[in-house]
Protein backbone atom coordinates (compact mmCIF):
# COMPACT_ATOMS: atom_id res chain seq x y z
CA MET A 1 51.85 96.78 -131.14
CA PRO A 2 53.14 93.20 -131.32
CA ALA A 3 52.10 91.03 -128.44
CA SER A 4 54.93 89.98 -126.12
CA PRO A 5 56.38 86.74 -127.55
CA SER A 6 56.65 85.24 -124.08
CA SER A 7 53.05 86.15 -123.26
CA SER A 8 51.88 84.55 -126.51
CA VAL A 9 53.58 81.30 -125.59
CA GLN A 10 52.19 81.42 -122.10
CA ALA A 11 48.68 82.02 -123.46
CA ALA A 12 48.98 78.94 -125.65
CA ARG A 13 50.17 76.87 -122.71
CA LYS A 14 47.33 78.19 -120.55
CA ALA A 15 44.80 77.22 -123.20
CA VAL A 16 45.99 73.62 -122.86
CA ALA A 17 45.93 73.77 -119.09
CA ASP A 18 42.38 75.18 -119.15
CA ARG A 19 41.27 72.25 -121.33
CA LEU A 20 42.76 69.84 -118.83
CA ARG A 21 40.80 71.56 -116.04
CA ASP A 22 37.60 71.46 -118.11
CA ILE A 23 38.01 67.76 -118.78
CA ARG A 24 38.47 67.13 -115.03
CA LYS A 25 35.41 69.16 -114.13
CA ASP A 26 33.30 67.48 -116.76
CA ALA A 27 34.27 64.17 -115.21
CA GLY A 28 33.12 65.45 -111.79
CA MET A 29 36.58 64.94 -110.27
CA THR A 30 38.83 67.03 -108.08
CA ALA A 31 42.49 67.65 -108.97
CA LYS A 32 43.43 65.42 -106.04
CA GLN A 33 41.31 62.58 -107.40
CA VAL A 34 42.92 62.86 -110.81
CA ALA A 35 46.36 62.75 -109.21
CA GLU A 36 45.41 59.67 -107.14
CA ALA A 37 44.07 57.90 -110.26
CA ALA A 38 47.25 58.79 -112.18
CA GLY A 39 49.59 57.81 -109.34
CA TRP A 40 50.94 61.37 -109.02
CA TYR A 41 51.55 63.68 -106.12
CA PRO A 42 48.58 66.10 -105.83
CA SER A 43 50.91 69.03 -106.58
CA LYS A 44 51.56 67.71 -110.10
CA ALA A 45 47.89 67.85 -111.09
CA SER A 46 47.77 71.43 -109.79
CA ARG A 47 50.88 72.43 -111.70
CA LEU A 48 49.51 70.95 -114.95
CA GLU A 49 46.11 72.67 -114.83
CA ASN A 50 47.60 75.98 -113.76
CA ALA A 51 50.12 76.04 -116.63
CA VAL A 52 53.03 75.95 -114.20
CA THR A 53 54.42 72.81 -115.83
CA PRO A 54 53.82 71.96 -119.52
CA PRO A 55 52.30 68.46 -119.83
CA SER A 56 54.13 65.69 -121.61
CA ASP A 57 52.23 63.51 -124.12
CA ASP A 58 52.07 60.78 -121.46
CA ASP A 59 50.74 63.21 -118.86
CA ILE A 60 47.86 64.06 -121.25
CA ARG A 61 47.14 60.40 -121.97
CA VAL A 62 47.05 59.55 -118.23
CA TRP A 63 44.90 62.63 -117.43
CA CYS A 64 42.33 61.83 -120.12
CA ARG A 65 42.25 58.18 -119.12
CA ALA A 66 41.70 59.08 -115.45
CA CYS A 67 38.84 61.38 -116.49
CA ARG A 68 37.36 58.83 -118.90
CA ALA A 69 37.91 61.24 -121.80
CA GLU A 70 40.25 59.24 -124.00
CA GLY A 71 38.57 60.73 -127.05
CA MET A 72 40.12 64.09 -126.22
CA THR A 73 43.67 62.81 -126.05
CA ALA A 74 44.84 63.25 -129.63
CA ASP A 75 43.53 66.81 -130.01
CA LEU A 76 44.96 67.86 -126.65
CA ILE A 77 48.40 66.40 -127.44
CA ALA A 78 48.39 68.24 -130.77
CA ALA A 79 47.50 71.50 -129.03
CA SER A 80 50.20 70.97 -126.43
CA ARG A 81 52.86 70.24 -129.07
CA THR A 82 51.86 73.39 -130.96
CA ALA A 83 52.23 75.47 -127.78
CA GLU A 84 55.67 74.02 -127.03
CA SER A 85 56.89 74.41 -130.66
CA MET A 86 56.31 78.14 -130.33
CA TYR A 87 59.12 78.43 -127.80
CA ILE A 88 62.50 76.97 -128.74
CA GLU A 89 65.19 77.37 -126.08
CA TRP A 90 68.55 78.37 -127.50
CA ARG A 91 70.50 76.16 -125.09
CA ARG A 92 68.57 73.11 -126.21
CA VAL A 93 69.04 73.60 -129.93
CA GLN A 94 72.64 74.74 -129.49
CA ARG A 95 73.73 71.91 -127.19
CA THR A 96 75.88 70.34 -129.98
CA GLY A 97 76.98 73.69 -131.38
CA LEU A 98 75.67 76.31 -133.76
CA ARG A 99 76.23 74.71 -137.13
CA GLN A 100 73.16 72.46 -137.00
CA LEU A 101 70.95 75.39 -136.00
CA GLN A 102 72.20 77.43 -138.97
CA GLU A 103 71.56 74.52 -141.35
CA SER A 104 68.03 74.12 -140.04
CA PHE A 105 67.11 77.51 -141.55
CA VAL A 106 68.10 76.57 -145.10
CA PRO A 107 64.73 75.05 -146.20
CA LEU A 108 62.86 78.08 -144.81
CA PHE A 109 65.17 80.49 -146.64
CA GLU A 110 64.88 78.55 -149.90
CA ARG A 111 61.07 78.53 -149.95
CA THR A 112 60.47 82.08 -148.69
CA ARG A 113 59.83 84.67 -151.36
CA LEU A 114 59.46 87.81 -149.29
CA PHE A 115 61.61 88.43 -146.17
CA ARG A 116 60.83 91.29 -143.81
CA ILE A 117 63.51 91.60 -141.14
CA TYR A 118 63.83 94.16 -138.37
CA CYS A 119 67.02 94.19 -136.26
CA CYS A 120 67.62 96.23 -133.13
CA ASN A 121 70.81 94.61 -131.90
CA VAL A 122 72.97 92.92 -134.54
CA MET A 123 73.14 92.80 -138.34
CA PRO A 124 70.51 90.68 -140.13
CA GLY A 125 71.90 87.19 -140.59
CA VAL A 126 71.48 87.34 -144.37
CA LEU A 127 73.75 90.35 -144.51
CA GLN A 128 76.53 89.19 -142.18
CA THR A 129 80.06 88.78 -143.40
CA TYR A 130 81.98 85.68 -142.39
CA ASP A 131 84.20 87.58 -139.93
CA TYR A 132 81.23 89.33 -138.32
CA ALA A 133 79.21 86.07 -138.03
CA HIS A 134 82.26 84.26 -136.63
CA ALA A 135 82.79 86.90 -133.92
CA LEU A 136 79.10 86.99 -133.05
CA MET A 137 78.67 83.23 -132.86
CA SER A 138 81.79 82.81 -130.75
CA ALA A 139 80.28 85.29 -128.26
CA ILE A 140 76.90 83.46 -128.33
CA ALA A 141 78.57 80.07 -127.71
CA GLU A 142 80.53 81.50 -124.78
CA PHE A 143 77.46 83.16 -123.25
CA HIS A 144 75.26 80.07 -123.58
CA GLU A 145 78.12 77.76 -122.57
CA THR A 146 77.62 75.56 -125.67
CA PRO A 147 80.28 73.99 -127.96
CA ASP A 148 82.10 76.64 -129.99
CA ASP A 149 81.86 75.62 -133.63
CA ALA A 150 81.54 79.26 -134.73
CA ALA A 151 83.94 78.85 -137.68
CA VAL A 152 81.83 76.24 -139.48
CA ALA A 153 78.55 77.78 -138.35
CA ALA A 154 79.61 81.13 -139.82
CA GLU A 155 80.40 79.37 -143.12
CA VAL A 156 76.90 77.90 -143.18
CA ARG A 157 75.31 81.27 -142.35
CA VAL A 158 77.16 83.01 -145.18
CA GLU A 159 76.40 80.19 -147.62
CA ARG A 160 72.65 80.19 -146.89
CA ALA A 161 72.66 83.94 -147.65
CA HIS A 162 73.08 83.09 -151.34
CA VAL A 163 69.31 83.60 -151.60
CA ILE A 164 70.01 87.35 -151.73
CA ARG A 165 71.75 86.86 -155.05
CA ASP A 166 70.01 83.78 -156.46
CA GLY A 167 66.44 82.88 -157.11
CA ASN A 168 63.18 84.72 -156.82
CA HIS A 169 63.52 86.26 -153.38
CA ARG A 170 62.98 89.81 -152.08
CA PHE A 171 64.35 91.33 -148.93
CA ALA A 172 62.99 94.31 -146.97
CA LEU A 173 65.59 94.87 -144.19
CA LEU A 174 65.45 97.46 -141.42
CA VAL A 175 68.18 98.10 -138.85
CA GLU A 176 68.40 100.60 -136.00
CA GLU A 177 71.33 103.01 -136.34
CA SER A 178 72.69 101.51 -133.10
CA VAL A 179 73.33 98.27 -135.01
CA LEU A 180 75.84 100.15 -137.15
CA ARG A 181 77.62 101.40 -134.05
CA HIS A 182 77.47 98.29 -131.91
CA ARG A 183 80.95 96.74 -132.47
CA VAL A 184 81.03 92.96 -133.00
CA GLY A 185 84.57 91.73 -133.37
CA ASP A 186 87.40 94.19 -133.91
CA ALA A 187 87.44 97.42 -135.90
CA GLU A 188 88.52 95.63 -139.06
CA THR A 189 85.65 93.17 -138.79
CA MET A 190 83.15 96.02 -138.35
CA ALA A 191 84.63 98.02 -141.24
CA GLY A 192 84.28 94.99 -143.48
CA GLN A 193 80.71 94.40 -142.35
CA LEU A 194 79.66 98.03 -142.85
CA GLY A 195 81.37 98.12 -146.23
CA TYR A 196 79.41 95.03 -147.25
CA LEU A 197 76.17 96.82 -146.30
CA LEU A 198 77.03 99.57 -148.76
CA ALA A 199 77.61 96.95 -151.49
CA VAL A 200 74.38 95.03 -150.73
CA MET A 201 72.33 98.16 -151.16
CA ALA A 202 72.96 97.89 -154.87
CA PHE A 203 71.40 94.43 -155.08
CA PRO A 204 68.04 94.58 -156.93
CA SER A 205 66.46 92.13 -154.45
CA VAL A 206 67.32 94.17 -151.36
CA SER A 207 65.71 97.25 -149.76
CA LEU A 208 67.81 98.34 -146.77
CA GLY A 209 66.57 101.03 -144.41
CA VAL A 210 68.32 102.51 -141.37
CA ILE A 211 66.28 103.98 -138.53
CA PRO A 212 68.25 107.05 -137.31
CA PHE A 213 68.85 107.91 -133.68
CA SER A 214 67.05 111.15 -134.46
CA ALA A 215 63.88 109.54 -135.82
CA PRO A 216 60.75 110.66 -133.89
CA ARG A 217 59.68 107.41 -132.24
CA ARG A 218 56.09 106.60 -133.17
CA MET A 219 57.10 102.94 -132.79
CA TRP A 220 59.35 101.91 -129.96
CA MET A 221 62.06 99.24 -130.29
CA VAL A 222 60.99 95.63 -129.82
CA GLU A 223 62.91 92.39 -130.18
CA THR A 224 64.59 91.49 -133.46
CA PHE A 225 62.05 89.67 -135.67
CA ALA A 226 61.65 88.29 -139.17
CA VAL A 227 58.46 87.80 -141.12
CA TYR A 228 58.47 85.14 -143.81
CA ASP A 229 55.93 85.48 -146.63
CA ASP A 230 53.36 87.20 -144.42
CA THR A 231 52.51 83.90 -142.68
CA PHE A 232 55.28 83.09 -140.20
CA VAL A 233 57.24 85.18 -137.71
CA GLN A 234 60.37 84.33 -135.75
CA VAL A 235 61.23 86.51 -132.75
CA GLU A 236 64.66 86.36 -131.11
CA LEU A 237 64.82 86.57 -127.32
CA LEU A 238 67.91 86.24 -125.17
CA THR A 239 67.12 82.69 -124.19
CA ALA A 240 64.90 81.42 -127.00
CA GLN A 241 63.34 81.72 -130.40
CA VAL A 242 59.60 82.20 -130.53
CA ASN A 243 57.63 81.09 -133.57
CA VAL A 244 54.45 82.99 -134.31
CA THR A 245 51.85 81.63 -136.77
CA ALA A 246 48.52 82.97 -135.43
CA PRO A 247 47.24 85.28 -138.21
CA THR A 248 46.23 88.08 -135.81
CA GLU A 249 49.72 88.11 -134.23
CA VAL A 250 51.49 87.93 -137.63
CA ARG A 251 49.46 91.01 -138.67
CA GLN A 252 50.67 92.85 -135.60
CA TYR A 253 54.28 92.20 -136.58
CA LEU A 254 53.52 93.30 -140.16
CA ASN A 255 52.01 96.50 -138.77
CA ALA A 256 55.08 97.07 -136.59
CA PHE A 257 57.36 96.52 -139.60
CA ALA A 258 55.38 99.04 -141.62
CA ALA A 259 55.70 101.57 -138.81
CA TYR A 260 59.47 101.02 -138.63
CA ALA A 261 59.73 101.34 -142.40
CA GLU A 262 58.25 104.88 -142.16
CA LEU A 263 60.90 105.84 -139.59
CA ALA A 264 63.81 104.55 -141.72
CA VAL A 265 65.90 106.38 -144.29
CA TYR A 266 67.09 104.80 -147.50
CA GLY A 267 69.47 105.35 -150.38
CA ALA A 268 71.86 108.23 -149.98
CA GLU A 269 70.71 109.06 -146.47
CA ALA A 270 71.24 105.50 -145.32
CA ARG A 271 74.66 105.36 -146.97
CA THR A 272 75.60 108.53 -145.09
CA LEU A 273 74.78 106.89 -141.73
CA ILE A 274 76.72 103.73 -142.67
CA THR A 275 79.70 105.76 -143.86
CA ALA A 276 79.66 107.81 -140.61
CA ALA A 277 79.73 104.58 -138.62
CA ILE A 278 82.77 103.43 -140.61
CA ASP A 279 84.52 106.75 -139.97
CA ALA A 280 83.78 106.45 -136.29
CA LEU A 281 85.83 103.23 -136.12
CA GLY A 282 88.94 105.42 -136.42
């Protein structure tokens, strides 16, 4: 079972907070004394060492200086930055629109050789048609109240998907049957998207599985996630993207993917489910 992405981030933040507390105790100081030495309200020191508020680089420098532990500063800042890089808020990276976010994935896509992607809500980005991506990104921009540059962002998303056809890349893709039925855009958009799935199944680099509604659930649905070359996982939450690099957690996502793969159908059976979804559009 994959660990909760949010709990993984919180655990990393707590580890930093615990180190701040240990540094204070090793110095023989109370939290109030650290706050006084730093020129802070006492509540700030408490929030920092209880992982309520993530520390800034300057907070860590001031804390270590107050505790006469300047030698710990660099390592602690590095640990704090790692914890914060795990959790990337969508509103922050989308504040100027979606295009830049889509472009940021290009280097990762180019260097990855094996993609494992599980989707429980929408089509995998590498399989999205322009019309589907445009409709989806317009909805995302509206929901997050960020600039709507869905037209150009969709172009970038479709362009970066060239890795499916070019280069030495392999794709193991799994979607829940509900993804086929969840309408994004109008009926024409969905028909085009589902038709593209049928075409993509012929690509030698792609293995596409569909997990039927009727599959006996030995593995429950979790958030959409992608595993890149067995070393890096991205998990999509409503408000943020979580990056997972800890080997033990990456293995859990690989195990979850393997369990989903056993539930999925492929080939003719998958095409039957996709065709039925097209027919259901009327």
